[in-house]
Amino acid sequence: MKDFYDIFMLVTNHKGSINPCVFAEALNNTAAQRQMIRLVSQVDQIIDTISGNQAMMEMWKRYSATYSYASGISFEKIISTLHILAKWITT
């Protein structure tokens, strides 16, 4: 869940300073090194799976209730942030 928080904060607070092309290249290079490049092409389906997963929603709810820095960030905002990143890597 901390990864979701980190992604949310990076995109929310530093969106203007992140170059989407550089981000996409770095992600693709990392995925290739880990032999996971096929997952990059499935990013939208993966996000849809996460967004519809009740267990993930509950884990986020517990995480954001436990850690004050994450309170007020809804699961929907997390998913929206993931869609922003997906757009960066698929365009």
C-alpha atoms as a PDB file:
ATOM      1  CA  MET A   1       0.000   0.000   0.000  1.00  0.00           C
ATOM      2  CA  LYS A   2       2.948   2.316   0.604  1.00  0.00           C
ATOM      3  CA  ASP A   3       3.756   2.063  -3.107  1.00  0.00           C
ATOM      4  CA  PHE A   4       0.281   3.369  -3.942  1.00  0.00           C
ATOM      5  CA  TYR A   5       0.808   6.272  -1.559  1.00  0.00           C
ATOM      6  CA  ASP A   6       4.253   7.015  -3.013  1.00  0.00           C
ATOM      7  CA  ILE A   7       2.912   6.984  -6.576  1.00  0.00           C
ATOM      8  CA  PHE A   8       0.032   9.242  -5.595  1.00  0.00           C
ATOM      9  CA  MET A   9       2.337  11.738  -3.902  1.00  0.00           C
ATOM     10  CA  LEU A  10       4.879  11.792  -6.731  1.00  0.00           C
ATOM     11  CA  VAL A  11       2.267  12.386  -9.394  1.00  0.00           C
ATOM     12  CA  THR A  12       0.242  14.842  -7.312  1.00  0.00           C
ATOM     13  CA  ASN A  13       3.157  16.918  -6.057  1.00  0.00           C
ATOM     14  CA  HIS A  14       5.648  16.597  -8.906  1.00  0.00           C
ATOM     15  CA  LYS A  15       3.559  15.992 -12.027  1.00  0.00           C
ATOM     16  CA  GLY A  16       4.950  19.076 -13.759  1.00  0.00           C
ATOM     17  CA  SER A  17       8.544  18.015 -13.209  1.00  0.00           C
ATOM     18  CA  ILE A  18       8.128  14.414 -14.376  1.00  0.00           C
ATOM     19  CA  ASN A  19       8.809  13.924 -18.059  1.00  0.00           C
ATOM     20  CA  PRO A  20       6.310  11.291 -19.252  1.00  0.00           C
ATOM     21  CA  CYS A  21       8.641  10.125 -22.037  1.00  0.00           C
ATOM     22  CA  VAL A  22      11.541   9.612 -19.638  1.00  0.00           C
ATOM     23  CA  PHE A  23       9.224   7.858 -17.188  1.00  0.00           C
ATOM     24  CA  ALA A  24       7.924   5.540 -19.921  1.00  0.00           C
ATOM     25  CA  GLU A  25      11.432   4.735 -21.113  1.00  0.00           C
ATOM     26  CA  ALA A  26      12.638   3.999 -17.577  1.00  0.00           C
ATOM     27  CA  LEU A  27       9.641   1.777 -16.857  1.00  0.00           C
ATOM     28  CA  ASN A  28      10.028  -0.112 -20.122  1.00  0.00           C
ATOM     29  CA  ASN A  29      13.754  -0.616 -19.525  1.00  0.00           C
ATOM     30  CA  THR A  30      13.133  -1.895 -16.005  1.00  0.00           C
ATOM     31  CA  ALA A  31      10.353  -4.193 -17.199  1.00  0.00           C
ATOM     32  CA  ALA A  32      12.613  -5.567 -19.946  1.00  0.00           C
ATOM     33  CA  GLN A  33      15.427  -6.268 -17.475  1.00  0.00           C
ATOM     34  CA  ARG A  34      12.982  -8.107 -15.238  1.00  0.00           C
ATOM     35  CA  GLN A  35      11.488  -9.958 -18.215  1.00  0.00           C
ATOM     36  CA  MET A  36       8.096  -8.447 -17.434  1.00  0.00           C
ATOM     37  CA  ILE A  37       7.599  -6.306 -20.553  1.00  0.00           C
ATOM     38  CA  ARG A  38       4.345  -8.067 -21.417  1.00  0.00           C
ATOM     39  CA  LEU A  39       2.808  -6.623 -18.252  1.00  0.00           C
ATOM     40  CA  VAL A  40       3.432  -3.090 -19.494  1.00  0.00           C
ATOM     41  CA  SER A  41       1.158  -3.742 -22.453  1.00  0.00           C
ATOM     42  CA  GLN A  42      -1.525  -4.995 -20.052  1.00  0.00           C
ATOM     43  CA  VAL A  43      -1.402  -1.980 -17.729  1.00  0.00           C
ATOM     44  CA  ASP A  44      -5.018  -0.914 -18.300  1.00  0.00           C
ATOM     45  CA  GLN A  45      -6.352  -4.404 -17.564  1.00  0.00           C
ATOM     46  CA  ILE A  46      -4.167  -4.617 -14.458  1.00  0.00           C
ATOM     47  CA  ILE A  47      -5.468  -1.293 -13.166  1.00  0.00           C
ATOM     48  CA  ASP A  48      -9.044  -2.423 -13.841  1.00  0.00           C
ATOM     49  CA  THR A  49      -8.378  -5.595 -11.857  1.00  0.00           C
ATOM     50  CA  ILE A  50      -6.939  -3.613  -8.966  1.00  0.00           C
ATOM     51  CA  SER A  51      -9.790  -1.087  -9.000  1.00  0.00           C
ATOM     52  CA  GLY A  52     -12.417  -3.813  -8.826  1.00  0.00           C
ATOM     53  CA  ASN A  53     -10.684  -5.877  -6.168  1.00  0.00           C
ATOM     54  CA  GLN A  54     -12.550  -5.630  -2.873  1.00  0.00           C
ATOM     55  CA  ALA A  55      -9.572  -6.945  -0.902  1.00  0.00           C
ATOM     56  CA  MET A  56      -7.341  -4.200  -2.336  1.00  0.00           C
ATOM     57  CA  MET A  57      -9.948  -1.594  -1.480  1.00  0.00           C
ATOM     58  CA  GLU A  58     -10.108  -2.864   2.096  1.00  0.00           C
ATOM     59  CA  MET A  59      -6.318  -2.963   2.409  1.00  0.00           C
ATOM     60  CA  TRP A  60      -6.138   0.658   1.257  1.00  0.00           C
ATOM     61  CA  LYS A  61      -8.898   1.630   3.678  1.00  0.00           C
ATOM     62  CA  ARG A  62      -6.988   0.059   6.580  1.00  0.00           C
ATOM     63  CA  TYR A  63      -3.683   1.562   5.437  1.00  0.00           C
ATOM     64  CA  SER A  64      -5.095   5.068   5.118  1.00  0.00           C
ATOM     65  CA  ALA A  65      -6.783   4.748   8.522  1.00  0.00           C
ATOM     66  CA  THR A  66      -3.535   3.553  10.129  1.00  0.00           C
ATOM     67  CA  TYR A  67      -1.177   6.130   8.640  1.00  0.00           C
ATOM     68  CA  SER A  68      -2.262   9.731   9.069  1.00  0.00           C
ATOM     69  CA  TYR A  69      -0.227  10.871   6.060  1.00  0.00           C
ATOM     70  CA  ALA A  70      -2.467   8.725   3.841  1.00  0.00           C
ATOM     71  CA  SER A  71      -5.767   9.716   5.416  1.00  0.00           C
ATOM     72  CA  GLY A  72      -8.027  11.619   3.087  1.00  0.00           C
ATOM     73  CA  ILE A  73      -6.676   9.870  -0.009  1.00  0.00           C
ATOM     74  CA  SER A  74      -9.414   7.698  -1.413  1.00  0.00           C
ATOM     75  CA  PHE A  75      -8.866   4.459  -3.257  1.00  0.00           C
ATOM     76  CA  GLU A  76     -10.492   6.147  -6.262  1.00  0.00           C
ATOM     77  CA  LYS A  77      -7.797   8.847  -6.199  1.00  0.00           C
ATOM     78  CA  ILE A  78      -5.144   6.131  -6.174  1.00  0.00           C
ATOM     79  CA  ILE A  79      -6.743   4.456  -9.188  1.00  0.00           C
ATOM     80  CA  SER A  80      -7.003   7.793 -10.987  1.00  0.00           C
ATOM     81  CA  THR A  81      -3.292   8.359 -10.394  1.00  0.00           C
ATOM     82  CA  LEU A  82      -2.484   4.918 -11.783  1.00  0.00           C
ATOM     83  CA  HIS A  83      -4.464   5.828 -14.918  1.00  0.00           C
ATOM     84  CA  ILE A  84      -2.335   8.952 -15.346  1.00  0.00           C
ATOM     85  CA  LEU A  85       0.815   6.826 -15.268  1.00  0.00           C
ATOM     86  CA  ALA A  86      -0.747   4.300 -17.646  1.00  0.00           C
ATOM     87  CA  LYS A  87      -1.464   7.075 -20.105  1.00  0.00           C
ATOM     88  CA  TRP A  88       2.177   8.148 -19.936  1.00  0.00           C
ATOM     89  CA  ILE A  89       3.436   4.698 -20.842  1.00  0.00           C
ATOM     90  CA  THR A  90       0.878   3.902 -23.537  1.00  0.00           C
ATOM     91  CA  THR A  91       1.101   7.095 -25.576  1.00  0.00           C
END
